[in-house]
Amino acid sequence: NPCPLIRDHVLLRWASRLAELDADMAARLTDATIADIVADVPDAWLEGPDRIGDPATQRAAYVAYLIQRLAQRDAFVQEAIRARA
């Protein structure tokens, strides 16, 4: 689902080049980059009521989720563009 709350984002009014920068930024955020970032999350931050296993399992779930979100980013970008209009 797109994020309708993006219309309230504090930085949206300055985000004038969303469509232009989307592809460039997405190309830089590879699956490996996402995995590297998630690997740096401290184990303690992975605790909580929604935890699905040990830290490695939780990290793998986050990586899969973020990769999926990146692949489906068009809906979010288009919602932000509409919100700016």
PDB file of N, CA and C in Angstrom:
ATOM      1  N   ASN A   1       0.831  -1.187   0.000  1.00  0.00           N
ATOM      2  CA  ASN A   1       0.000   0.000   0.000  1.00  0.00           C
ATOM      3  C   ASN A   1       0.874   1.247   0.000  1.00  0.00           C
ATOM      4  N   PRO A   2       0.441   2.268  -0.703  1.00  0.00           N
ATOM      5  CA  PRO A   2       1.166   3.533  -0.609  1.00  0.00           C
ATOM      6  C   PRO A   2       1.026   4.088   0.803  1.00  0.00           C
ATOM      7  N   CYS A   3       1.787   5.065   1.100  1.00  0.00           N
ATOM      8  CA  CYS A   3       1.818   5.632   2.456  1.00  0.00           C
ATOM      9  C   CYS A   3       1.102   6.983   2.448  1.00  0.00           C
ATOM     10  N   PRO A   4      -0.200   7.001   2.731  1.00  0.00           N
ATOM     11  CA  PRO A   4      -0.916   8.282   2.677  1.00  0.00           C
ATOM     12  C   PRO A   4      -0.426   9.300   3.705  1.00  0.00           C
ATOM     13  N   LEU A   5       0.211   8.837   4.763  1.00  0.00           N
ATOM     14  CA  LEU A   5       0.719   9.770   5.775  1.00  0.00           C
ATOM     15  C   LEU A   5       1.926  10.565   5.276  1.00  0.00           C
ATOM     16  N   ILE A   6       2.447  10.220   4.106  1.00  0.00           N
ATOM     17  CA  ILE A   6       3.589  10.957   3.551  1.00  0.00           C
ATOM     18  C   ILE A   6       3.226  12.427   3.365  1.00  0.00           C
ATOM     19  N   ARG A   7       1.957  12.709   3.190  1.00  0.00           N
ATOM     20  CA  ARG A   7       1.529  14.112   3.001  1.00  0.00           C
ATOM     21  C   ARG A   7       1.871  14.977   4.211  1.00  0.00           C
ATOM     22  N   ASP A   8       2.086  14.340   5.376  1.00  0.00           N
ATOM     23  CA  ASP A   8       2.415  15.079   6.592  1.00  0.00           C
ATOM     24  C   ASP A   8       3.908  15.072   6.904  1.00  0.00           C
ATOM     25  N   HIS A   9       4.723  14.495   6.026  1.00  0.00           N
ATOM     26  CA  HIS A   9       6.163  14.398   6.299  1.00  0.00           C
ATOM     27  C   HIS A   9       6.781  15.792   6.343  1.00  0.00           C
ATOM     28  N   VAL A  10       7.574  16.029   7.354  1.00  0.00           N
ATOM     29  CA  VAL A  10       8.148  17.349   7.597  1.00  0.00           C
ATOM     30  C   VAL A  10       9.064  17.818   6.455  1.00  0.00           C
ATOM     31  N   LEU A  11       9.669  16.903   5.721  1.00  0.00           N
ATOM     32  CA  LEU A  11      10.596  17.280   4.650  1.00  0.00           C
ATOM     33  C   LEU A  11       9.962  17.289   3.258  1.00  0.00           C
ATOM     34  N   LEU A  12       8.702  16.930   3.154  1.00  0.00           N
ATOM     35  CA  LEU A  12       8.077  16.784   1.840  1.00  0.00           C
ATOM     36  C   LEU A  12       8.123  18.068   1.016  1.00  0.00           C
ATOM     37  N   ARG A  13       7.943  19.200   1.644  1.00  0.00           N
ATOM     38  CA  ARG A  13       7.913  20.444   0.860  1.00  0.00           C
ATOM     39  C   ARG A  13       9.235  20.735   0.165  1.00  0.00           C
ATOM     40  N   TRP A  14      10.328  20.164   0.637  1.00  0.00           N
ATOM     41  CA  TRP A  14      11.638  20.361   0.001  1.00  0.00           C
ATOM     42  C   TRP A  14      11.995  19.240  -0.975  1.00  0.00           C
ATOM     43  N   ALA A  15      11.168  18.242  -1.065  1.00  0.00           N
ATOM     44  CA  ALA A  15      11.451  17.071  -1.907  1.00  0.00           C
ATOM     45  C   ALA A  15      10.945  17.319  -3.325  1.00  0.00           C
ATOM     46  N   SER A  16      11.603  18.203  -4.022  1.00  0.00           N
ATOM     47  CA  SER A  16      11.123  18.634  -5.339  1.00  0.00           C
ATOM     48  C   SER A  16      11.599  17.751  -6.488  1.00  0.00           C
ATOM     49  N   ARG A  17      12.526  16.827  -6.225  1.00  0.00           N
ATOM     50  CA  ARG A  17      13.085  16.010  -7.312  1.00  0.00           C
ATOM     51  C   ARG A  17      12.868  14.516  -7.051  1.00  0.00           C
ATOM     52  N   LEU A  18      11.721  14.156  -6.496  1.00  0.00           N
ATOM     53  CA  LEU A  18      11.455  12.771  -6.117  1.00  0.00           C
ATOM     54  C   LEU A  18      11.596  11.807  -7.291  1.00  0.00           C
ATOM     55  N   ALA A  19      10.912  12.073  -8.362  1.00  0.00           N
ATOM     56  CA  ALA A  19      10.954  11.163  -9.511  1.00  0.00           C
ATOM     57  C   ALA A  19      12.365  11.068 -10.088  1.00  0.00           C
ATOM     58  N   GLU A  20      13.034  12.184 -10.162  1.00  0.00           N
ATOM     59  CA  GLU A  20      14.383  12.228 -10.731  1.00  0.00           C
ATOM     60  C   GLU A  20      15.377  11.428  -9.895  1.00  0.00           C
ATOM     61  N   LEU A  21      15.303  11.555  -8.596  1.00  0.00           N
ATOM     62  CA  LEU A  21      16.289  10.922  -7.724  1.00  0.00           C
ATOM     63  C   LEU A  21      15.946   9.489  -7.332  1.00  0.00           C
ATOM     64  N   ASP A  22      14.705   9.102  -7.496  1.00  0.00           N
ATOM     65  CA  ASP A  22      14.276   7.765  -7.090  1.00  0.00           C
ATOM     66  C   ASP A  22      15.112   6.663  -7.722  1.00  0.00           C
ATOM     67  N   ALA A  23      15.215   6.647  -9.026  1.00  0.00           N
ATOM     68  CA  ALA A  23      15.938   5.566  -9.706  1.00  0.00           C
ATOM     69  C   ALA A  23      17.416   5.562  -9.332  1.00  0.00           C
ATOM     70  N   ASP A  24      18.014   6.739  -9.245  1.00  0.00           N
ATOM     71  CA  ASP A  24      19.430   6.827  -8.891  1.00  0.00           C
ATOM     72  C   ASP A  24      19.678   6.282  -7.490  1.00  0.00           C
ATOM     73  N   MET A  25      18.860   6.699  -6.561  1.00  0.00           N
ATOM     74  CA  MET A  25      19.047   6.243  -5.183  1.00  0.00           C
ATOM     75  C   MET A  25      18.750   4.752  -5.048  1.00  0.00           C
ATOM     76  N   ALA A  26      17.728   4.271  -5.718  1.00  0.00           N
ATOM     77  CA  ALA A  26      17.389   2.849  -5.650  1.00  0.00           C
ATOM     78  C   ALA A  26      18.505   1.986  -6.234  1.00  0.00           C
ATOM     79  N   ALA A  27      19.146   2.469  -7.281  1.00  0.00           N
ATOM     80  CA  ALA A  27      20.250   1.713  -7.881  1.00  0.00           C
ATOM     81  C   ALA A  27      21.428   1.592  -6.924  1.00  0.00           C
ATOM     82  N   ARG A  28      21.595   2.567  -6.077  1.00  0.00           N
ATOM     83  CA  ARG A  28      22.695   2.536  -5.106  1.00  0.00           C
ATOM     84  C   ARG A  28      22.393   1.617  -3.928  1.00  0.00           C
ATOM     85  N   LEU A  29      21.119   1.398  -3.664  1.00  0.00           N
ATOM     86  CA  LEU A  29      20.706   0.593  -2.525  1.00  0.00           C
ATOM     87  C   LEU A  29      20.489  -0.849  -2.978  1.00  0.00           C
ATOM     88  N   THR A  30      21.577  -1.569  -3.129  1.00  0.00           N
ATOM     89  CA  THR A  30      21.515  -2.950  -3.594  1.00  0.00           C
ATOM     90  C   THR A  30      21.091  -3.883  -2.462  1.00  0.00           C
ATOM     91  N   ASP A  31      20.763  -5.112  -2.820  1.00  0.00           N
ATOM     92  CA  ASP A  31      20.428  -6.113  -1.804  1.00  0.00           C
ATOM     93  C   ASP A  31      21.582  -6.285  -0.818  1.00  0.00           C
ATOM     94  N   ALA A  32      22.793  -6.278  -1.344  1.00  0.00           N
ATOM     95  CA  ALA A  32      23.974  -6.434  -0.481  1.00  0.00           C
ATOM     96  C   ALA A  32      24.124  -5.243   0.467  1.00  0.00           C
ATOM     97  N   THR A  33      23.838  -4.050  -0.018  1.00  0.00           N
ATOM     98  CA  THR A  33      23.919  -2.866   0.835  1.00  0.00           C
ATOM     99  C   THR A  33      22.890  -2.943   1.965  1.00  0.00           C
ATOM    100  N   ILE A  34      21.689  -3.359   1.622  1.00  0.00           N
ATOM    101  CA  ILE A  34      20.654  -3.524   2.641  1.00  0.00           C
ATOM    102  C   ILE A  34      21.102  -4.546   3.681  1.00  0.00           C
ATOM    103  N   ALA A  35      21.633  -5.674   3.229  1.00  0.00           N
ATOM    104  CA  ALA A  35      22.104  -6.715   4.151  1.00  0.00           C
ATOM    105  C   ALA A  35      23.228  -6.189   5.046  1.00  0.00           C
ATOM    106  N   ASP A  36      24.128  -5.402   4.482  1.00  0.00           N
ATOM    107  CA  ASP A  36      25.228  -4.830   5.272  1.00  0.00           C
ATOM    108  C   ASP A  36      24.707  -3.874   6.341  1.00  0.00           C
ATOM    109  N   ILE A  37      23.733  -3.063   5.981  1.00  0.00           N
ATOM    110  CA  ILE A  37      23.160  -2.116   6.937  1.00  0.00           C
ATOM    111  C   ILE A  37      22.460  -2.866   8.071  1.00  0.00           C
ATOM    112  N   VAL A  38      21.658  -3.846   7.722  1.00  0.00           N
ATOM    113  CA  VAL A  38      20.926  -4.608   8.739  1.00  0.00           C
ATOM    114  C   VAL A  38      21.889  -5.401   9.624  1.00  0.00           C
ATOM    115  N   ALA A  39      23.002  -5.838   9.069  1.00  0.00           N
ATOM    116  CA  ALA A  39      23.998  -6.570   9.857  1.00  0.00           C
ATOM    117  C   ALA A  39      24.582  -5.707  10.966  1.00  0.00           C
ATOM    118  N   ASP A  40      24.580  -4.397  10.768  1.00  0.00           N
ATOM    119  CA  ASP A  40      25.118  -3.468  11.777  1.00  0.00           C
ATOM    120  C   ASP A  40      24.131  -3.132  12.891  1.00  0.00           C
ATOM    121  N   VAL A  41      22.891  -3.583  12.772  1.00  0.00           N
ATOM    122  CA  VAL A  41      21.903  -3.320  13.824  1.00  0.00           C
ATOM    123  C   VAL A  41      22.266  -4.167  15.053  1.00  0.00           C
ATOM    124  N   PRO A  42      22.401  -3.533  16.202  1.00  0.00           N
ATOM    125  CA  PRO A  42      22.744  -4.290  17.412  1.00  0.00           C
ATOM    126  C   PRO A  42      21.670  -5.333  17.755  1.00  0.00           C
ATOM    127  N   ASP A  43      22.113  -6.461  18.281  1.00  0.00           N
ATOM    128  CA  ASP A  43      21.175  -7.518  18.668  1.00  0.00           C
ATOM    129  C   ASP A  43      20.075  -7.000  19.583  1.00  0.00           C
ATOM    130  N   ALA A  44      20.426  -6.121  20.505  1.00  0.00           N
ATOM    131  CA  ALA A  44      19.439  -5.603  21.465  1.00  0.00           C
ATOM    132  C   ALA A  44      18.286  -4.881  20.764  1.00  0.00           C
ATOM    133  N   TRP A  45      18.542  -4.282  19.622  1.00  0.00           N
ATOM    134  CA  TRP A  45      17.495  -3.577  18.892  1.00  0.00           C
ATOM    135  C   TRP A  45      16.534  -4.540  18.205  1.00  0.00           C
ATOM    136  N   LEU A  46      16.905  -5.794  18.133  1.00  0.00           N
ATOM    137  CA  LEU A  46      16.071  -6.791  17.471  1.00  0.00           C
ATOM    138  C   LEU A  46      15.129  -7.494  18.446  1.00  0.00           C
ATOM    139  N   GLU A  47      15.195  -7.125  19.700  1.00  0.00           N
ATOM    140  CA  GLU A  47      14.315  -7.701  20.720  1.00  0.00           C
ATOM    141  C   GLU A  47      12.952  -7.028  20.637  1.00  0.00           C
ATOM    142  N   GLY A  48      11.963  -7.689  21.139  1.00  0.00           N
ATOM    143  CA  GLY A  48      10.642  -7.080  21.199  1.00  0.00           C
ATOM    144  C   GLY A  48       9.554  -8.099  20.978  1.00  0.00           C
ATOM    145  N   PRO A  49       8.306  -7.666  21.110  1.00  0.00           N
ATOM    146  CA  PRO A  49       7.182  -8.598  21.018  1.00  0.00           C
ATOM    147  C   PRO A  49       6.993  -9.212  19.627  1.00  0.00           C
ATOM    148  N   ASP A  50       7.507  -8.570  18.601  1.00  0.00           N
ATOM    149  CA  ASP A  50       7.333  -9.077  17.236  1.00  0.00           C
ATOM    150  C   ASP A  50       8.513  -9.919  16.766  1.00  0.00           C
ATOM    151  N   ARG A  51       9.444 -10.198  17.637  1.00  0.00           N
ATOM    152  CA  ARG A  51      10.634 -10.961  17.271  1.00  0.00           C
ATOM    153  C   ARG A  51      10.234 -12.334  16.741  1.00  0.00           C
ATOM    154  N   ILE A  52      10.900 -12.779  15.702  1.00  0.00           N
ATOM    155  CA  ILE A  52      10.530 -14.050  15.075  1.00  0.00           C
ATOM    156  C   ILE A  52      11.602 -15.121  15.236  1.00  0.00           C
ATOM    157  N   GLY A  53      12.554 -14.913  16.102  1.00  0.00           N
ATOM    158  CA  GLY A  53      13.591 -15.915  16.313  1.00  0.00           C
ATOM    159  C   GLY A  53      14.857 -15.272  16.819  1.00  0.00           C
ATOM    160  N   ASP A  54      15.958 -15.956  16.579  1.00  0.00           N
ATOM    161  CA  ASP A  54      17.248 -15.427  17.014  1.00  0.00           C
ATOM    162  C   ASP A  54      17.616 -14.212  16.159  1.00  0.00           C
ATOM    163  N   PRO A  55      18.652 -13.483  16.544  1.00  0.00           N
ATOM    164  CA  PRO A  55      19.018 -12.270  15.784  1.00  0.00           C
ATOM    165  C   PRO A  55      19.264 -12.526  14.289  1.00  0.00           C
ATOM    166  N   ALA A  56      19.876 -13.641  13.951  1.00  0.00           N
ATOM    167  CA  ALA A  56      20.131 -13.925  12.532  1.00  0.00           C
ATOM    168  C   ALA A  56      18.829 -14.094  11.755  1.00  0.00           C
ATOM    169  N   THR A  57      17.859 -14.757  12.351  1.00  0.00           N
ATOM    170  CA  THR A  57      16.556 -14.947  11.705  1.00  0.00           C
ATOM    171  C   THR A  57      15.827 -13.617  11.578  1.00  0.00           C
ATOM    172  N   GLN A  58      15.895 -12.815  12.623  1.00  0.00           N
ATOM    173  CA  GLN A  58      15.251 -11.503  12.598  1.00  0.00           C
ATOM    174  C   GLN A  58      15.890 -10.620  11.528  1.00  0.00           C
ATOM    175  N   ARG A  59      17.205 -10.638  11.449  1.00  0.00           N
ATOM    176  CA  ARG A  59      17.901  -9.839  10.417  1.00  0.00           C
ATOM    177  C   ARG A  59      17.498 -10.295   9.020  1.00  0.00           C
ATOM    178  N   ALA A  60      17.447 -11.597   8.810  1.00  0.00           N
ATOM    179  CA  ALA A  60      17.064 -12.120   7.493  1.00  0.00           C
ATOM    180  C   ALA A  60      15.653 -11.661   7.121  1.00  0.00           C
ATOM    181  N   ALA A  61      14.756 -11.643   8.101  1.00  0.00           N
ATOM    182  CA  ALA A  61      13.389 -11.177   7.847  1.00  0.00           C
ATOM    183  C   ALA A  61      13.377  -9.692   7.484  1.00  0.00           C
ATOM    184  N   TYR A  62      14.155  -8.891   8.197  1.00  0.00           N
ATOM    185  CA  TYR A  62      14.240  -7.462   7.877  1.00  0.00           C
ATOM    186  C   TYR A  62      14.819  -7.239   6.486  1.00  0.00           C
ATOM    187  N   VAL A  63      15.867  -7.963   6.157  1.00  0.00           N
ATOM    188  CA  VAL A  63      16.478  -7.822   4.832  1.00  0.00           C
ATOM    189  C   VAL A  63      15.455  -8.159   3.748  1.00  0.00           C
ATOM    190  N   ALA A  64      14.753  -9.265   3.905  1.00  0.00           N
ATOM    191  CA  ALA A  64      13.747  -9.663   2.909  1.00  0.00           C
ATOM    192  C   ALA A  64      12.655  -8.605   2.789  1.00  0.00           C
ATOM    193  N   TYR A  65      12.205  -8.084   3.923  1.00  0.00           N
ATOM    194  CA  TYR A  65      11.162  -7.062   3.924  1.00  0.00           C
ATOM    195  C   TYR A  65      11.637  -5.790   3.215  1.00  0.00           C
ATOM    196  N   LEU A  66      12.834  -5.336   3.539  1.00  0.00           N
ATOM    197  CA  LEU A  66      13.338  -4.093   2.943  1.00  0.00           C
ATOM    198  C   LEU A  66      13.607  -4.250   1.447  1.00  0.00           C
ATOM    199  N   ILE A  67      14.072  -5.406   1.030  1.00  0.00           N
ATOM    200  CA  ILE A  67      14.276  -5.655  -0.401  1.00  0.00           C
ATOM    201  C   ILE A  67      12.942  -5.628  -1.130  1.00  0.00           C
ATOM    202  N   GLN A  68      11.923  -6.220  -0.522  1.00  0.00           N
ATOM    203  CA  GLN A  68      10.583  -6.203  -1.124  1.00  0.00           C
ATOM    204  C   GLN A  68      10.055  -4.774  -1.202  1.00  0.00           C
ATOM    205  N   ARG A  69      10.223  -4.005  -0.137  1.00  0.00           N
ATOM    206  CA  ARG A  69       9.766  -2.610  -0.149  1.00  0.00           C
ATOM    207  C   ARG A  69      10.475  -1.802  -1.242  1.00  0.00           C
ATOM    208  N   LEU A  70      11.757  -2.037  -1.397  1.00  0.00           N
ATOM    209  CA  LEU A  70      12.510  -1.329  -2.432  1.00  0.00           C
ATOM    210  C   LEU A  70      11.968  -1.675  -3.822  1.00  0.00           C
ATOM    211  N   ALA A  71      11.661  -2.933  -4.038  1.00  0.00           N
ATOM    212  CA  ALA A  71      11.135  -3.364  -5.336  1.00  0.00           C
ATOM    213  C   ALA A  71       9.762  -2.749  -5.615  1.00  0.00           C
ATOM    214  N   GLN A  72       9.029  -2.420  -4.569  1.00  0.00           N
ATOM    215  CA  GLN A  72       7.682  -1.868  -4.722  1.00  0.00           C
ATOM    216  C   GLN A  72       7.633  -0.377  -4.396  1.00  0.00           C
ATOM    217  N   ARG A  73       8.756   0.290  -4.519  1.00  0.00           N
ATOM    218  CA  ARG A  73       8.850   1.682  -4.090  1.00  0.00           C
ATOM    219  C   ARG A  73       8.034   2.636  -4.946  1.00  0.00           C
ATOM    220  N   ASP A  74       7.686   2.254  -6.149  1.00  0.00           N
ATOM    221  CA  ASP A  74       6.978   3.170  -7.043  1.00  0.00           C
ATOM    222  C   ASP A  74       5.691   3.693  -6.411  1.00  0.00           C
ATOM    223  N   ALA A  75       4.980   2.844  -5.706  1.00  0.00           N
ATOM    224  CA  ALA A  75       3.730   3.283  -5.071  1.00  0.00           C
ATOM    225  C   ALA A  75       3.998   4.379  -4.038  1.00  0.00           C
ATOM    226  N   PHE A  76       5.088   4.253  -3.307  1.00  0.00           N
ATOM    227  CA  PHE A  76       5.426   5.247  -2.293  1.00  0.00           C
ATOM    228  C   PHE A  76       5.869   6.560  -2.936  1.00  0.00           C
ATOM    229  N   VAL A  77       6.681   6.442  -3.970  1.00  0.00           N
ATOM    230  CA  VAL A  77       7.170   7.641  -4.660  1.00  0.00           C
ATOM    231  C   VAL A  77       6.005   8.387  -5.293  1.00  0.00           C
ATOM    232  N   GLN A  78       5.123   7.658  -5.961  1.00  0.00           N
ATOM    233  CA  GLN A  78       3.983   8.310  -6.610  1.00  0.00           C
ATOM    234  C   GLN A  78       3.061   8.963  -5.583  1.00  0.00           C
ATOM    235  N   GLU A  79       2.893   8.328  -4.430  1.00  0.00           N
ATOM    236  CA  GLU A  79       2.068   8.934  -3.371  1.00  0.00           C
ATOM    237  C   GLU A  79       2.710  10.236  -2.872  1.00  0.00           C
ATOM    238  N   ALA A  80       4.013  10.264  -2.737  1.00  0.00           N
ATOM    239  CA  ALA A  80       4.697  11.483  -2.309  1.00  0.00           C
ATOM    240  C   ALA A  80       4.569  12.581  -3.359  1.00  0.00           C
ATOM    241  N   ILE A  81       4.686  12.199  -4.617  1.00  0.00           N
ATOM    242  CA  ILE A  81       4.530  13.181  -5.702  1.00  0.00           C
ATOM    243  C   ILE A  81       3.117  13.748  -5.695  1.00  0.00           C
ATOM    244  N   ARG A  82       2.123  12.899  -5.524  1.00  0.00           N
ATOM    245  CA  ARG A  82       0.725  13.383  -5.449  1.00  0.00           C
ATOM    246  C   ARG A  82       0.543  14.310  -4.244  1.00  0.00           C
ATOM    247  N   ALA A  83       1.148  13.955  -3.133  1.00  0.00           N
ATOM    248  CA  ALA A  83       1.007  14.771  -1.914  1.00  0.00           C
ATOM    249  C   ALA A  83       1.613  16.161  -2.104  1.00  0.00           C
ATOM    250  N   ARG A  84       2.689  16.235  -2.882  1.00  0.00           N
ATOM    251  CA  ARG A  84       3.317  17.540  -3.135  1.00  0.00           C
ATOM    252  C   ARG A  84       2.477  18.408  -4.066  1.00  0.00           C
ATOM    253  N   ALA A  85       1.690  17.783  -4.906  1.00  0.00           N
ATOM    254  CA  ALA A  85       0.933  18.525  -5.928  1.00  0.00           C
ATOM    255  C   ALA A  85      -0.187  19.363  -5.322  1.00  0.00           C
TER     256      ALA A  85
END
